[in-house]
Amino acid sequence: MENYKGKVALITGGSKGIGYGVAESLLKLGMKVAITSRSLDSAEKAAKDLKNIGSGEVLALEADVRQYKSQENAVKKVKDTWGQLDVLIANAGVGHFAPIDELSVEDWQATIDTNLSGVFYSIKSCLESLKKSEGYVITISSLAGTNFFAGGTAYNASKFGVTGFTQAAMLDLREYGIKVSTIMPGSVATHFNDHEPSEKDSWKIQKEDIGELVVDLLKMNPRTLPSKIEVRPSMPPKS
C-alpha cells in the first residue's frame, strides 16, 4: 500500500490494548480509522483520546464481532461515512482459562464465538469493499495459536483456529489483490483478561510495538507478503 493518507481502516476491539495501539499508528499515517467496541461509551472515549493524534480521522462504533449482522452494520457505517474500506484489523478477543474439567460451556462458547467466529464474521462482512480497494486484512492471533498450554483448551483452540483460518483465507483472497497476514504476539502489556498494566510489564511487548508492525506490513512492497509473523518479548524475566 503506497499512499496511506486518506485510506480507511476498521479495527475491531479498538478501544484499548493492541487495537488502540494500532489505531494510534494508523492515524499518524494520516489514515481514517474506525474503532469498534461492544460498548459505545468505550469506543467514544477512546476516539476522543485518539482524535488529536496525527492528521487522520477517527470514528467510534458499537459492534459485537460475535454477531455477523452487527459486523455488517459496522462496515456499512464506515462506508456511509468515508465511502471506502482499505484495511481490516481483526483484533477483538477474549481469554477464558481453566482446566478442561473446570471450563464452563459458556466460557468455551464465548471464546470461540469471539476469537474465531468473530474473525470470520469481520472478514466476511468486509470482502466486497476490500475487493474493490485491493485492501489488506490483518488478524491478531497469538503465540498460543501454535503453542498449547495447560488450562488453555478454549484459548488455544480459538487461536490455533485463527492462525489456520487466516492462512487459508490468504490463499483464497490473494487472487483479488487482497493481502492477508496474521500477527501472533506473545506477552503484551494490555488490559487483556482484566490485567492492569504497570511498570512491572516493561519487559513485555507494548501495544505501540504491534502498531509499528502493522505499519511495516502496510509499507511492504506489494510483491512481498509476510503472511504469518510471530512476535516475542526479546528478554522475558527469568523464572
C-alpha atoms as a PDB file:
ATOM      1  CA  MET A   1       0.000   0.000   0.000  1.00  0.00           C
ATOM      2  CA  GLU A   2       1.880   3.047  -1.262  1.00  0.00           C
ATOM      3  CA  ASN A   3      -0.301   6.027  -0.281  1.00  0.00           C
ATOM      4  CA  TYR A   4      -1.709   5.969   3.238  1.00  0.00           C
ATOM      5  CA  LYS A   5      -3.236   9.406   3.698  1.00  0.00           C
ATOM      6  CA  GLY A   6      -6.990   9.143   3.333  1.00  0.00           C
ATOM      7  CA  LYS A   7      -7.037   5.341   3.374  1.00  0.00           C
ATOM      8  CA  VAL A   8      -9.697   3.819   5.626  1.00  0.00           C
ATOM      9  CA  ALA A   9      -9.157   1.183   8.310  1.00  0.00           C
ATOM     10  CA  LEU A  10     -11.597  -0.698  10.543  1.00  0.00           C
ATOM     11  CA  ILE A  11     -10.226  -2.060  13.821  1.00  0.00           C
ATOM     12  CA  THR A  12     -12.344  -4.448  15.876  1.00  0.00           C
ATOM     13  CA  GLY A  13     -11.795  -4.140  19.607  1.00  0.00           C
ATOM     14  CA  GLY A  14     -10.054  -0.833  19.011  1.00  0.00           C
ATOM     15  CA  SER A  15     -10.948   0.978  22.230  1.00  0.00           C
ATOM     16  CA  LYS A  16      -7.955  -0.334  24.202  1.00  0.00           C
ATOM     17  CA  GLY A  17      -4.912  -2.592  24.110  1.00  0.00           C
ATOM     18  CA  ILE A  18      -3.474  -3.755  20.805  1.00  0.00           C
ATOM     19  CA  GLY A  19      -6.360  -2.301  18.800  1.00  0.00           C
ATOM     20  CA  TYR A  20      -5.821   1.122  20.349  1.00  0.00           C
ATOM     21  CA  GLY A  21      -2.081   0.944  19.672  1.00  0.00           C
ATOM     22  CA  VAL A  22      -2.722   0.093  16.027  1.00  0.00           C
ATOM     23  CA  ALA A  23      -5.210   2.961  15.750  1.00  0.00           C
ATOM     24  CA  GLU A  24      -2.570   5.398  17.038  1.00  0.00           C
ATOM     25  CA  SER A  25      -0.063   4.228  14.438  1.00  0.00           C
ATOM     26  CA  LEU A  26      -2.510   4.407  11.526  1.00  0.00           C
ATOM     27  CA  LEU A  27      -3.708   7.880  12.498  1.00  0.00           C
ATOM     28  CA  LYS A  28      -0.097   9.057  12.458  1.00  0.00           C
ATOM     29  CA  LEU A  29      -0.005   7.920   8.821  1.00  0.00           C
ATOM     30  CA  GLY A  30      -2.967  10.201   8.088  1.00  0.00           C
ATOM     31  CA  MET A  31      -5.433   7.336   7.721  1.00  0.00           C
ATOM     32  CA  LYS A  32      -9.122   7.392   8.631  1.00  0.00           C
ATOM     33  CA  VAL A  33      -9.724   4.874  11.402  1.00  0.00           C
ATOM     34  CA  ALA A  34     -12.947   3.335  12.709  1.00  0.00           C
ATOM     35  CA  ILE A  35     -12.705   1.566  16.070  1.00  0.00           C
ATOM     36  CA  THR A  36     -15.339  -0.801  17.421  1.00  0.00           C
ATOM     37  CA  SER A  37     -16.269  -1.928  20.898  1.00  0.00           C
ATOM     38  CA  ARG A  38     -19.262  -3.719  22.346  1.00  0.00           C
ATOM     39  CA  SER A  39     -19.660  -0.571  24.477  1.00  0.00           C
ATOM     40  CA  LEU A  40     -20.307   2.625  22.532  1.00  0.00           C
ATOM     41  CA  ASP A  41     -19.168   4.627  25.561  1.00  0.00           C
ATOM     42  CA  SER A  42     -15.793   2.869  25.490  1.00  0.00           C
ATOM     43  CA  ALA A  43     -15.413   3.427  21.753  1.00  0.00           C
ATOM     44  CA  GLU A  44     -16.333   7.101  22.035  1.00  0.00           C
ATOM     45  CA  LYS A  45     -13.950   7.662  24.959  1.00  0.00           C
ATOM     46  CA  ALA A  46     -11.109   6.074  23.007  1.00  0.00           C
ATOM     47  CA  ALA A  47     -11.991   8.090  19.896  1.00  0.00           C
ATOM     48  CA  LYS A  48     -11.890  11.296  21.937  1.00  0.00           C
ATOM     49  CA  ASP A  49      -8.387  10.406  23.151  1.00  0.00           C
ATOM     50  CA  LEU A  50      -7.280   9.482  19.640  1.00  0.00           C
ATOM     51  CA  LYS A  51      -8.694  12.424  17.705  1.00  0.00           C
ATOM     52  CA  ASN A  52      -5.641  14.676  18.116  1.00  0.00           C
ATOM     53  CA  ILE A  53      -3.135  12.012  17.090  1.00  0.00           C
ATOM     54  CA  GLY A  54      -1.687  12.530  13.631  1.00  0.00           C
ATOM     55  CA  SER A  55      -3.656  14.029  10.784  1.00  0.00           C
ATOM     56  CA  GLY A  56      -6.214  11.264  10.323  1.00  0.00           C
ATOM     57  CA  GLU A  57      -9.852  10.987  11.350  1.00  0.00           C
ATOM     58  CA  VAL A  58     -11.406   8.607  13.879  1.00  0.00           C
ATOM     59  CA  LEU A  59     -14.908   7.119  14.106  1.00  0.00           C
ATOM     60  CA  ALA A  60     -16.343   5.297  17.140  1.00  0.00           C
ATOM     61  CA  LEU A  61     -18.717   2.389  16.500  1.00  0.00           C
ATOM     62  CA  GLU A  62     -20.639  -0.048  18.675  1.00  0.00           C
ATOM     63  CA  ALA A  63     -20.332  -3.575  17.286  1.00  0.00           C
ATOM     64  CA  ASP A  64     -20.201  -7.142  18.561  1.00  0.00           C
ATOM     65  CA  VAL A  65     -17.963  -9.435  16.500  1.00  0.00           C
ATOM     66  CA  ARG A  66     -19.968 -12.429  17.753  1.00  0.00           C
ATOM     67  CA  GLN A  67     -22.890 -11.284  15.611  1.00  0.00           C
ATOM     68  CA  TYR A  68     -22.486 -11.205  11.825  1.00  0.00           C
ATOM     69  CA  LYS A  69     -25.225  -8.619  11.364  1.00  0.00           C
ATOM     70  CA  SER A  70     -23.513  -6.332  13.863  1.00  0.00           C
ATOM     71  CA  GLN A  71     -20.308  -6.515  11.837  1.00  0.00           C
ATOM     72  CA  GLU A  72     -22.209  -5.852   8.611  1.00  0.00           C
ATOM     73  CA  ASN A  73     -23.709  -2.749  10.207  1.00  0.00           C
ATOM     74  CA  ALA A  74     -20.280  -1.529  11.302  1.00  0.00           C
ATOM     75  CA  VAL A  75     -18.902  -1.898   7.776  1.00  0.00           C
ATOM     76  CA  LYS A  76     -21.937  -0.085   6.371  1.00  0.00           C
ATOM     77  CA  LYS A  77     -21.372   2.837   8.750  1.00  0.00           C
ATOM     78  CA  VAL A  78     -17.727   3.050   7.694  1.00  0.00           C
ATOM     79  CA  LYS A  79     -18.740   3.043   4.025  1.00  0.00           C
ATOM     80  CA  ASP A  80     -21.508   5.600   4.622  1.00  0.00           C
ATOM     81  CA  THR A  81     -19.028   7.874   6.408  1.00  0.00           C
ATOM     82  CA  TRP A  82     -15.957   7.586   4.196  1.00  0.00           C
ATOM     83  CA  GLY A  83     -17.088   5.756   1.055  1.00  0.00           C
ATOM     84  CA  GLN A  84     -14.476   3.010   1.130  1.00  0.00           C
ATOM     85  CA  LEU A  85     -12.623   0.448   3.233  1.00  0.00           C
ATOM     86  CA  ASP A  86      -8.976  -0.402   2.669  1.00  0.00           C
ATOM     87  CA  VAL A  87      -7.704  -2.174   5.793  1.00  0.00           C
ATOM     88  CA  LEU A  88      -9.304  -4.522   8.324  1.00  0.00           C
ATOM     89  CA  ILE A  89      -7.586  -5.260  11.629  1.00  0.00           C
ATOM     90  CA  ALA A  90      -9.465  -8.222  13.165  1.00  0.00           C
ATOM     91  CA  ASN A  91      -8.277  -7.760  16.724  1.00  0.00           C
ATOM     92  CA  ALA A  92     -11.186  -8.271  19.149  1.00  0.00           C
ATOM     93  CA  GLY A  93     -10.576 -11.135  21.538  1.00  0.00           C
ATOM     94  CA  VAL A  94     -11.257 -12.601  24.984  1.00  0.00           C
ATOM     95  CA  GLY A  95      -9.473 -15.056  27.234  1.00  0.00           C
ATOM     96  CA  HIS A  96     -11.051 -17.674  29.496  1.00  0.00           C
ATOM     97  CA  PHE A  97      -8.526 -20.024  31.090  1.00  0.00           C
ATOM     98  CA  ALA A  98      -9.297 -23.132  33.124  1.00  0.00           C
ATOM     99  CA  PRO A  99      -8.568 -26.882  33.093  1.00  0.00           C
ATOM    100  CA  ILE A 100     -10.954 -28.740  30.810  1.00  0.00           C
ATOM    101  CA  ASP A 101     -12.826 -30.265  33.743  1.00  0.00           C
ATOM    102  CA  GLU A 102     -13.453 -26.775  35.156  1.00  0.00           C
ATOM    103  CA  LEU A 103     -14.049 -24.861  31.918  1.00  0.00           C
ATOM    104  CA  SER A 104     -17.717 -23.931  31.562  1.00  0.00           C
ATOM    105  CA  VAL A 105     -19.680 -24.410  28.370  1.00  0.00           C
ATOM    106  CA  GLU A 106     -20.454 -20.678  28.448  1.00  0.00           C
ATOM    107  CA  ASP A 107     -16.775 -19.685  28.613  1.00  0.00           C
ATOM    108  CA  TRP A 108     -15.911 -22.115  25.805  1.00  0.00           C
ATOM    109  CA  GLN A 109     -18.651 -20.675  23.598  1.00  0.00           C
ATOM    110  CA  ALA A 110     -17.720 -17.061  24.373  1.00  0.00           C
ATOM    111  CA  THR A 111     -14.083 -17.720  23.472  1.00  0.00           C
ATOM    112  CA  ILE A 112     -14.810 -19.483  20.184  1.00  0.00           C
ATOM    113  CA  ASP A 113     -17.572 -17.045  19.217  1.00  0.00           C
ATOM    114  CA  THR A 114     -15.365 -14.006  19.807  1.00  0.00           C
ATOM    115  CA  ASN A 115     -11.871 -15.134  18.861  1.00  0.00           C
ATOM    116  CA  LEU A 116     -12.641 -17.407  15.912  1.00  0.00           C
ATOM    117  CA  SER A 117     -16.153 -16.853  14.578  1.00  0.00           C
ATOM    118  CA  GLY A 118     -15.669 -13.134  15.189  1.00  0.00           C
ATOM    119  CA  VAL A 119     -12.675 -13.079  12.837  1.00  0.00           C
ATOM    120  CA  PHE A 120     -14.670 -14.918  10.174  1.00  0.00           C
ATOM    121  CA  TYR A 121     -17.615 -12.514  10.523  1.00  0.00           C
ATOM    122  CA  SER A 122     -15.315  -9.494  10.417  1.00  0.00           C
ATOM    123  CA  ILE A 123     -13.570 -10.590   7.237  1.00  0.00           C
ATOM    124  CA  LYS A 124     -16.734 -11.863   5.557  1.00  0.00           C
ATOM    125  CA  SER A 125     -18.534  -8.553   6.090  1.00  0.00           C
ATOM    126  CA  CYS A 126     -15.634  -6.587   4.566  1.00  0.00           C
ATOM    127  CA  LEU A 127     -14.899  -8.665   1.487  1.00  0.00           C
ATOM    128  CA  GLU A 128     -16.777  -6.768  -1.203  1.00  0.00           C
ATOM    129  CA  SER A 129     -15.243  -3.494  -0.047  1.00  0.00           C
ATOM    130  CA  LEU A 130     -11.749  -4.965   0.171  1.00  0.00           C
ATOM    131  CA  LYS A 131     -12.032  -6.495  -3.284  1.00  0.00           C
ATOM    132  CA  LYS A 132     -12.746  -3.039  -4.689  1.00  0.00           C
ATOM    133  CA  SER A 133      -9.819  -1.447  -2.868  1.00  0.00           C
ATOM    134  CA  GLU A 134      -7.453  -4.440  -3.180  1.00  0.00           C
ATOM    135  CA  GLY A 135      -7.021  -3.970   0.524  1.00  0.00           C
ATOM    136  CA  TYR A 136      -5.282  -5.613   3.447  1.00  0.00           C
ATOM    137  CA  VAL A 137      -6.576  -7.924   6.201  1.00  0.00           C
ATOM    138  CA  ILE A 138      -4.535  -8.383   9.365  1.00  0.00           C
ATOM    139  CA  THR A 139      -5.745 -10.751  12.072  1.00  0.00           C
ATOM    140  CA  ILE A 140      -4.374 -10.744  15.596  1.00  0.00           C
ATOM    141  CA  SER A 141      -3.739 -14.324  16.653  1.00  0.00           C
ATOM    142  CA  SER A 142      -1.264 -15.287  19.391  1.00  0.00           C
ATOM    143  CA  LEU A 143       1.724 -17.483  20.106  1.00  0.00           C
ATOM    144  CA  ALA A 144      -0.990 -19.585  21.738  1.00  0.00           C
ATOM    145  CA  GLY A 145      -2.008 -20.308  18.135  1.00  0.00           C
ATOM    146  CA  THR A 146       0.951 -22.679  17.778  1.00  0.00           C
ATOM    147  CA  ASN A 147       1.935 -23.387  21.402  1.00  0.00           C
ATOM    148  CA  PHE A 148      -0.521 -25.180  23.660  1.00  0.00           C
ATOM    149  CA  PHE A 149      -0.533 -24.962  27.457  1.00  0.00           C
ATOM    150  CA  ALA A 150      -2.438 -26.407  30.411  1.00  0.00           C
ATOM    151  CA  GLY A 151      -5.625 -24.522  31.146  1.00  0.00           C
ATOM    152  CA  GLY A 152      -5.722 -23.156  27.604  1.00  0.00           C
ATOM    153  CA  THR A 153      -8.142 -25.507  25.851  1.00  0.00           C
ATOM    154  CA  ALA A 154     -10.591 -22.797  24.778  1.00  0.00           C
ATOM    155  CA  TYR A 155      -7.995 -20.111  24.068  1.00  0.00           C
ATOM    156  CA  ASN A 156      -5.624 -22.492  22.268  1.00  0.00           C
ATOM    157  CA  ALA A 157      -8.471 -23.855  20.152  1.00  0.00           C
ATOM    158  CA  SER A 158      -9.580 -20.353  19.158  1.00  0.00           C
ATOM    159  CA  LYS A 159      -6.085 -19.081  18.331  1.00  0.00           C
ATOM    160  CA  PHE A 160      -4.950 -22.261  16.542  1.00  0.00           C
ATOM    161  CA  GLY A 161      -8.142 -21.775  14.540  1.00  0.00           C
ATOM    162  CA  VAL A 162      -7.419 -18.115  13.774  1.00  0.00           C
ATOM    163  CA  THR A 163      -3.892 -18.942  12.619  1.00  0.00           C
ATOM    164  CA  GLY A 164      -5.063 -21.689  10.262  1.00  0.00           C
ATOM    165  CA  PHE A 165      -8.125 -19.779   9.096  1.00  0.00           C
ATOM    166  CA  THR A 166      -6.083 -16.697   8.229  1.00  0.00           C
ATOM    167  CA  GLN A 167      -3.531 -18.645   6.226  1.00  0.00           C
ATOM    168  CA  ALA A 168      -6.264 -20.367   4.224  1.00  0.00           C
ATOM    169  CA  ALA A 169      -8.036 -17.035   3.684  1.00  0.00           C
ATOM    170  CA  MET A 170      -4.754 -15.601   2.420  1.00  0.00           C
ATOM    171  CA  LEU A 171      -4.655 -18.250  -0.301  1.00  0.00           C
ATOM    172  CA  ASP A 172      -8.303 -17.611  -1.201  1.00  0.00           C
ATOM    173  CA  LEU A 173      -8.084 -13.828  -1.361  1.00  0.00           C
ATOM    174  CA  ARG A 174      -4.750 -13.072  -2.997  1.00  0.00           C
ATOM    175  CA  GLU A 175      -6.309 -13.667  -6.412  1.00  0.00           C
ATOM    176  CA  TYR A 176      -8.364 -10.498  -5.774  1.00  0.00           C
ATOM    177  CA  GLY A 177      -5.286  -8.480  -4.858  1.00  0.00           C
ATOM    178  CA  ILE A 178      -6.155  -8.629  -1.146  1.00  0.00           C
ATOM    179  CA  LYS A 179      -3.185  -9.175   1.168  1.00  0.00           C
ATOM    180  CA  VAL A 180      -3.774 -11.214   4.337  1.00  0.00           C
ATOM    181  CA  SER A 181      -1.439 -11.572   7.308  1.00  0.00           C
ATOM    182  CA  THR A 182      -1.703 -12.789  10.880  1.00  0.00           C
ATOM    183  CA  ILE A 183       0.317 -11.367  13.766  1.00  0.00           C
ATOM    184  CA  MET A 184       0.983 -13.761  16.657  1.00  0.00           C
ATOM    185  CA  PRO A 185       2.135 -11.845  19.733  1.00  0.00           C
ATOM    186  CA  GLY A 186       3.427 -13.302  22.964  1.00  0.00           C
ATOM    187  CA  SER A 187       3.030 -11.362  26.200  1.00  0.00           C
ATOM    188  CA  VAL A 188       1.681  -7.856  25.550  1.00  0.00           C
ATOM    189  CA  ALA A 189       1.219  -5.173  28.215  1.00  0.00           C
ATOM    190  CA  THR A 190      -2.525  -4.562  27.851  1.00  0.00           C
ATOM    191  CA  HIS A 191      -5.751  -4.810  29.869  1.00  0.00           C
ATOM    192  CA  PHE A 192      -6.434  -8.246  28.350  1.00  0.00           C
ATOM    193  CA  ASN A 193      -8.227 -10.607  30.743  1.00  0.00           C
ATOM    194  CA  ASP A 194      -8.689  -7.796  33.304  1.00  0.00           C
ATOM    195  CA  HIS A 195      -4.949  -7.259  33.723  1.00  0.00           C
ATOM    196  CA  GLU A 196      -3.857  -3.777  34.812  1.00  0.00           C
ATOM    197  CA  PRO A 197      -0.621  -2.783  33.017  1.00  0.00           C
ATOM    198  CA  SER A 198       2.135  -1.387  35.244  1.00  0.00           C
ATOM    199  CA  GLU A 199       5.894  -0.789  35.346  1.00  0.00           C
ATOM    200  CA  LYS A 200       6.275  -4.493  36.038  1.00  0.00           C
ATOM    201  CA  ASP A 201       5.171  -5.078  32.433  1.00  0.00           C
ATOM    202  CA  SER A 202       8.005  -3.060  30.892  1.00  0.00           C
ATOM    203  CA  TRP A 203       9.665  -6.260  29.628  1.00  0.00           C
ATOM    204  CA  LYS A 204       6.557  -7.169  27.615  1.00  0.00           C
ATOM    205  CA  ILE A 205       5.662  -6.213  24.061  1.00  0.00           C
ATOM    206  CA  GLN A 206       3.946  -2.812  24.157  1.00  0.00           C
ATOM    207  CA  LYS A 207       0.789  -2.003  22.205  1.00  0.00           C
ATOM    208  CA  GLU A 208       2.640   0.576  20.109  1.00  0.00           C
ATOM    209  CA  ASP A 209       5.093  -2.137  19.037  1.00  0.00           C
ATOM    210  CA  ILE A 210       2.241  -4.022  17.353  1.00  0.00           C
ATOM    211  CA  GLY A 211       1.066  -0.754  15.804  1.00  0.00           C
ATOM    212  CA  GLU A 212       4.534  -0.245  14.360  1.00  0.00           C
ATOM    213  CA  LEU A 213       4.496  -3.777  12.971  1.00  0.00           C
ATOM    214  CA  VAL A 214       1.151  -3.156  11.254  1.00  0.00           C
ATOM    215  CA  VAL A 215       2.595  -0.038   9.613  1.00  0.00           C
ATOM    216  CA  ASP A 216       5.599  -2.061   8.443  1.00  0.00           C
ATOM    217  CA  LEU A 217       3.255  -4.577   6.812  1.00  0.00           C
ATOM    218  CA  LEU A 218       1.331  -1.838   5.013  1.00  0.00           C
ATOM    219  CA  LYS A 219       4.593  -0.366   3.755  1.00  0.00           C
ATOM    220  CA  MET A 220       5.901  -3.701   2.456  1.00  0.00           C
ATOM    221  CA  ASN A 221       6.467  -3.852  -1.282  1.00  0.00           C
ATOM    222  CA  PRO A 222       3.245  -5.277  -2.828  1.00  0.00           C
ATOM    223  CA  ARG A 223       5.192  -8.144  -4.371  1.00  0.00           C
ATOM    224  CA  THR A 224       6.065  -9.482  -0.883  1.00  0.00           C
ATOM    225  CA  LEU A 225       3.701 -10.841   1.777  1.00  0.00           C
ATOM    226  CA  PRO A 226       4.782 -11.737   5.328  1.00  0.00           C
ATOM    227  CA  SER A 227       1.774 -13.971   5.930  1.00  0.00           C
ATOM    228  CA  LYS A 228       2.453 -15.221   9.479  1.00  0.00           C
ATOM    229  CA  ILE A 229       4.506 -13.249  11.988  1.00  0.00           C
ATOM    230  CA  GLU A 230       5.472 -14.466  15.464  1.00  0.00           C
ATOM    231  CA  VAL A 231       6.379 -11.700  17.934  1.00  0.00           C
ATOM    232  CA  ARG A 232       8.019 -12.267  21.315  1.00  0.00           C
ATOM    233  CA  PRO A 233       9.445 -10.148  24.118  1.00  0.00           C
ATOM    234  CA  SER A 234      13.171 -10.064  23.433  1.00  0.00           C
ATOM    235  CA  MET A 235      14.150 -10.570  27.076  1.00  0.00           C
ATOM    236  CA  PRO A 236      11.486 -12.117  29.322  1.00  0.00           C
ATOM    237  CA  PRO A 237      12.224 -12.235  33.055  1.00  0.00           C
ATOM    238  CA  LYS A 238      13.974 -15.280  34.442  1.00  0.00           C
ATOM    239  CA  SER A 239      11.672 -17.654  36.235  1.00  0.00           C
END
